[in-house]
N, C-alpha and C. Protein backbone atom coordinates (compact mmCIF):
# COMPACT_ATOMS: atom_id res chain seq x y z
N MET A 1 -4.69 -5.13 12.67
CA MET A 1 -4.15 -3.82 12.97
C MET A 1 -4.70 -2.79 11.99
N ASP A 2 -4.74 -3.14 10.70
CA ASP A 2 -5.26 -2.20 9.71
C ASP A 2 -6.70 -1.80 10.01
N ALA A 3 -7.49 -2.73 10.53
CA ALA A 3 -8.89 -2.42 10.84
C ALA A 3 -8.99 -1.31 11.88
N VAL A 4 -8.05 -1.27 12.81
CA VAL A 4 -8.05 -0.24 13.84
C VAL A 4 -7.58 1.10 13.26
N LEU A 5 -6.61 1.05 12.37
CA LEU A 5 -6.00 2.27 11.84
C LEU A 5 -6.74 2.86 10.62
N GLU A 6 -7.47 2.03 9.91
CA GLU A 6 -8.06 2.45 8.64
C GLU A 6 -9.01 3.66 8.73
N PRO A 7 -9.84 3.79 9.76
CA PRO A 7 -10.76 4.93 9.78
C PRO A 7 -10.06 6.30 9.76
N ARG A 8 -8.84 6.37 10.25
CA ARG A 8 -8.12 7.65 10.29
C ARG A 8 -6.93 7.67 9.32
N LYS A 9 -6.89 6.70 8.43
CA LYS A 9 -5.76 6.56 7.50
C LYS A 9 -5.52 7.83 6.69
N GLN A 10 -6.56 8.39 6.11
CA GLN A 10 -6.39 9.57 5.26
C GLN A 10 -5.88 10.76 6.07
N ALA A 11 -6.35 10.90 7.29
CA ALA A 11 -5.87 11.98 8.16
C ALA A 11 -4.37 11.83 8.42
N VAL A 12 -3.92 10.60 8.64
CA VAL A 12 -2.49 10.35 8.85
C VAL A 12 -1.71 10.70 7.60
N LEU A 13 -2.19 10.27 6.44
CA LEU A 13 -1.49 10.55 5.19
C LEU A 13 -1.43 12.05 4.92
N ASP A 14 -2.52 12.75 5.16
CA ASP A 14 -2.55 14.20 4.95
C ASP A 14 -1.59 14.91 5.90
N THR A 15 -1.58 14.48 7.16
CA THR A 15 -0.68 15.08 8.15
C THR A 15 0.77 14.80 7.79
N LYS A 16 1.06 13.58 7.38
CA LYS A 16 2.42 13.20 6.98
C LYS A 16 2.89 14.08 5.82
N LYS A 17 2.04 14.27 4.84
CA LYS A 17 2.39 15.10 3.69
C LYS A 17 2.69 16.54 4.12
N MET A 18 1.83 17.08 4.97
CA MET A 18 2.01 18.44 5.45
C MET A 18 3.32 18.58 6.24
N LEU A 19 3.60 17.62 7.10
CA LEU A 19 4.83 17.66 7.89
C LEU A 19 6.07 17.53 7.01
N ASP A 20 6.01 16.63 6.02
CA ASP A 20 7.13 16.47 5.09
C ASP A 20 7.38 17.75 4.30
N GLU A 21 6.29 18.36 3.82
CA GLU A 21 6.43 19.60 3.04
C GLU A 21 7.00 20.73 3.88
N ALA A 22 6.69 20.73 5.18
CA ALA A 22 7.21 21.74 6.09
C ALA A 22 8.60 21.36 6.62
N ARG A 23 9.09 20.22 6.18
CA ARG A 23 10.41 19.69 6.58
C ARG A 23 10.52 19.50 8.10
N ILE A 24 9.43 19.07 8.68
CA ILE A 24 9.42 18.77 10.11
C ILE A 24 9.84 17.31 10.28
N THR A 25 10.91 17.10 11.01
CA THR A 25 11.44 15.74 11.15
C THR A 25 10.85 14.98 12.33
N GLU A 26 10.50 15.68 13.40
CA GLU A 26 9.89 15.01 14.55
C GLU A 26 8.38 14.97 14.33
N GLN A 27 7.92 13.83 13.83
CA GLN A 27 6.53 13.72 13.37
C GLN A 27 5.66 12.82 14.24
N ARG A 28 6.27 12.07 15.13
CA ARG A 28 5.54 11.04 15.86
C ARG A 28 4.29 11.56 16.58
N ALA A 29 4.42 12.60 17.37
CA ALA A 29 3.28 13.10 18.14
C ALA A 29 2.14 13.56 17.23
N ALA A 30 2.47 14.28 16.17
CA ALA A 30 1.44 14.77 15.25
C ALA A 30 0.75 13.62 14.53
N LEU A 31 1.51 12.61 14.17
CA LEU A 31 0.92 11.47 13.46
C LEU A 31 0.07 10.61 14.40
N CYS A 32 0.49 10.47 15.64
CA CYS A 32 -0.34 9.76 16.62
C CYS A 32 -1.64 10.52 16.85
N ASP A 33 -1.55 11.84 16.93
CA ASP A 33 -2.77 12.65 17.08
C ASP A 33 -3.69 12.45 15.88
N ALA A 34 -3.13 12.47 14.70
CA ALA A 34 -3.93 12.29 13.48
C ALA A 34 -4.58 10.91 13.45
N ALA A 35 -3.85 9.90 13.95
CA ALA A 35 -4.38 8.53 13.96
C ALA A 35 -5.39 8.32 15.08
N GLY A 36 -5.30 9.17 16.12
CA GLY A 36 -6.17 8.96 17.27
C GLY A 36 -5.79 7.72 18.05
N GLN A 37 -4.56 7.27 17.87
CA GLN A 37 -4.06 6.05 18.50
C GLN A 37 -2.63 6.29 18.99
N ALA A 38 -2.11 5.34 19.71
CA ALA A 38 -0.72 5.40 20.15
C ALA A 38 0.22 4.86 19.07
N LEU A 39 -0.33 4.51 17.93
CA LEU A 39 0.46 4.04 16.79
C LEU A 39 -0.19 4.51 15.50
N TYR A 40 0.57 4.49 14.43
CA TYR A 40 0.08 4.97 13.14
C TYR A 40 0.83 4.26 12.03
N ASN A 41 0.28 4.33 10.84
CA ASN A 41 0.91 3.74 9.66
C ASN A 41 0.95 4.82 8.58
N PRO A 42 2.14 5.41 8.33
CA PRO A 42 2.23 6.46 7.33
C PRO A 42 2.36 5.95 5.89
N SER A 43 2.36 4.65 5.72
CA SER A 43 2.45 4.07 4.38
C SER A 43 1.14 4.24 3.65
N LYS A 44 1.21 4.45 2.34
CA LYS A 44 -0.02 4.54 1.55
C LYS A 44 -0.67 3.17 1.38
N PHE A 45 0.04 2.12 1.76
CA PHE A 45 -0.47 0.76 1.59
C PHE A 45 -1.16 0.25 2.84
N THR A 46 -2.17 -0.59 2.62
CA THR A 46 -2.82 -1.34 3.69
C THR A 46 -2.77 -2.81 3.28
N LEU A 47 -3.16 -3.69 4.17
CA LEU A 47 -3.19 -5.11 3.78
C LEU A 47 -4.13 -5.32 2.60
N ARG A 48 -5.24 -4.58 2.57
CA ARG A 48 -6.21 -4.72 1.47
C ARG A 48 -5.59 -4.28 0.14
N THR A 49 -4.91 -3.12 0.13
CA THR A 49 -4.34 -2.65 -1.14
C THR A 49 -3.19 -3.54 -1.59
N LEU A 50 -2.41 -4.06 -0.65
CA LEU A 50 -1.34 -4.99 -1.02
C LEU A 50 -1.89 -6.28 -1.60
N ALA A 51 -2.99 -6.77 -1.05
CA ALA A 51 -3.63 -7.98 -1.59
C ALA A 51 -4.15 -7.72 -2.99
N GLU A 52 -4.72 -6.53 -3.22
CA GLU A 52 -5.22 -6.19 -4.56
C GLU A 52 -4.08 -6.10 -5.56
N ILE A 53 -2.97 -5.49 -5.15
CA ILE A 53 -1.81 -5.39 -6.03
C ILE A 53 -1.29 -6.78 -6.35
N ASN A 54 -1.21 -7.64 -5.34
CA ASN A 54 -0.73 -9.00 -5.55
C ASN A 54 -1.64 -9.75 -6.52
N ALA A 55 -2.94 -9.59 -6.37
CA ALA A 55 -3.89 -10.26 -7.28
C ALA A 55 -3.70 -9.76 -8.70
N ASP A 56 -3.47 -8.46 -8.88
CA ASP A 56 -3.24 -7.90 -10.21
C ASP A 56 -1.96 -8.46 -10.83
N ILE A 57 -0.93 -8.58 -10.01
CA ILE A 57 0.34 -9.12 -10.50
C ILE A 57 0.16 -10.58 -10.93
N LEU A 58 -0.49 -11.36 -10.08
CA LEU A 58 -0.71 -12.77 -10.41
C LEU A 58 -1.55 -12.91 -11.67
N SER A 59 -2.56 -12.08 -11.82
CA SER A 59 -3.40 -12.11 -13.01
C SER A 59 -2.58 -11.78 -14.25
N GLY A 60 -1.73 -10.78 -14.14
CA GLY A 60 -0.86 -10.39 -15.25
C GLY A 60 0.11 -11.49 -15.62
N GLU A 61 0.65 -12.18 -14.61
CA GLU A 61 1.57 -13.29 -14.88
C GLU A 61 0.86 -14.42 -15.61
N ARG A 62 -0.38 -14.72 -15.20
CA ARG A 62 -1.14 -15.78 -15.88
C ARG A 62 -1.43 -15.38 -17.32
N ASP A 63 -1.79 -14.10 -17.54
CA ASP A 63 -2.04 -13.63 -18.90
C ASP A 63 -0.77 -13.74 -19.74
N TYR A 64 0.37 -13.37 -19.16
CA TYR A 64 1.65 -13.44 -19.88
C TYR A 64 1.98 -14.90 -20.21
N ASP A 65 1.84 -15.78 -19.23
CA ASP A 65 2.14 -17.20 -19.45
C ASP A 65 1.25 -17.77 -20.56
N ALA A 66 -0.03 -17.43 -20.55
CA ALA A 66 -0.95 -17.92 -21.57
C ALA A 66 -0.56 -17.40 -22.95
N ALA A 67 -0.14 -16.13 -23.03
CA ALA A 67 0.25 -15.56 -24.31
C ALA A 67 1.52 -16.21 -24.84
N VAL A 68 2.48 -16.47 -23.96
CA VAL A 68 3.73 -17.12 -24.40
C VAL A 68 3.44 -18.52 -24.89
N LEU A 69 2.63 -19.27 -24.15
CA LEU A 69 2.29 -20.64 -24.58
C LEU A 69 1.52 -20.62 -25.90
N ALA A 70 0.60 -19.69 -26.07
CA ALA A 70 -0.18 -19.61 -27.30
C ALA A 70 0.67 -19.24 -28.49
N SER A 71 1.75 -18.49 -28.25
CA SER A 71 2.60 -18.06 -29.36
C SER A 71 3.51 -19.18 -29.86
N GLY A 72 3.63 -20.24 -29.07
CA GLY A 72 4.48 -21.35 -29.47
C GLY A 72 5.97 -21.08 -29.22
N THR A 73 6.30 -20.00 -28.53
CA THR A 73 7.70 -19.68 -28.30
C THR A 73 8.25 -20.32 -27.03
N ALA A 74 7.38 -20.95 -26.26
CA ALA A 74 7.83 -21.63 -25.05
C ALA A 74 7.07 -22.93 -24.90
N THR A 75 7.71 -23.89 -24.29
CA THR A 75 7.09 -25.18 -24.06
C THR A 75 7.09 -25.45 -22.56
N PRO A 76 5.95 -25.76 -21.98
CA PRO A 76 5.94 -26.05 -20.54
C PRO A 76 6.68 -27.34 -20.23
N CYS A 77 7.28 -27.42 -19.06
CA CYS A 77 8.02 -28.61 -18.65
C CYS A 77 7.10 -29.65 -18.10
């Protein structure tokens, strides 16, 4: 789904921001127009960005675990 929506993603985000700033609550038609599709994703996230965030979190957890083990303050089970 993201592959279909991604080419117009920035247009959707820009339109969403403009509509929110103008306090327009009925946004569906304008966002569909911006997406060029019958559906849209107004989230700043895509599957790709969520995967990158997840990889960063996992990397940080491994770094934290290694630091705790190296400090001698924790013992693995």
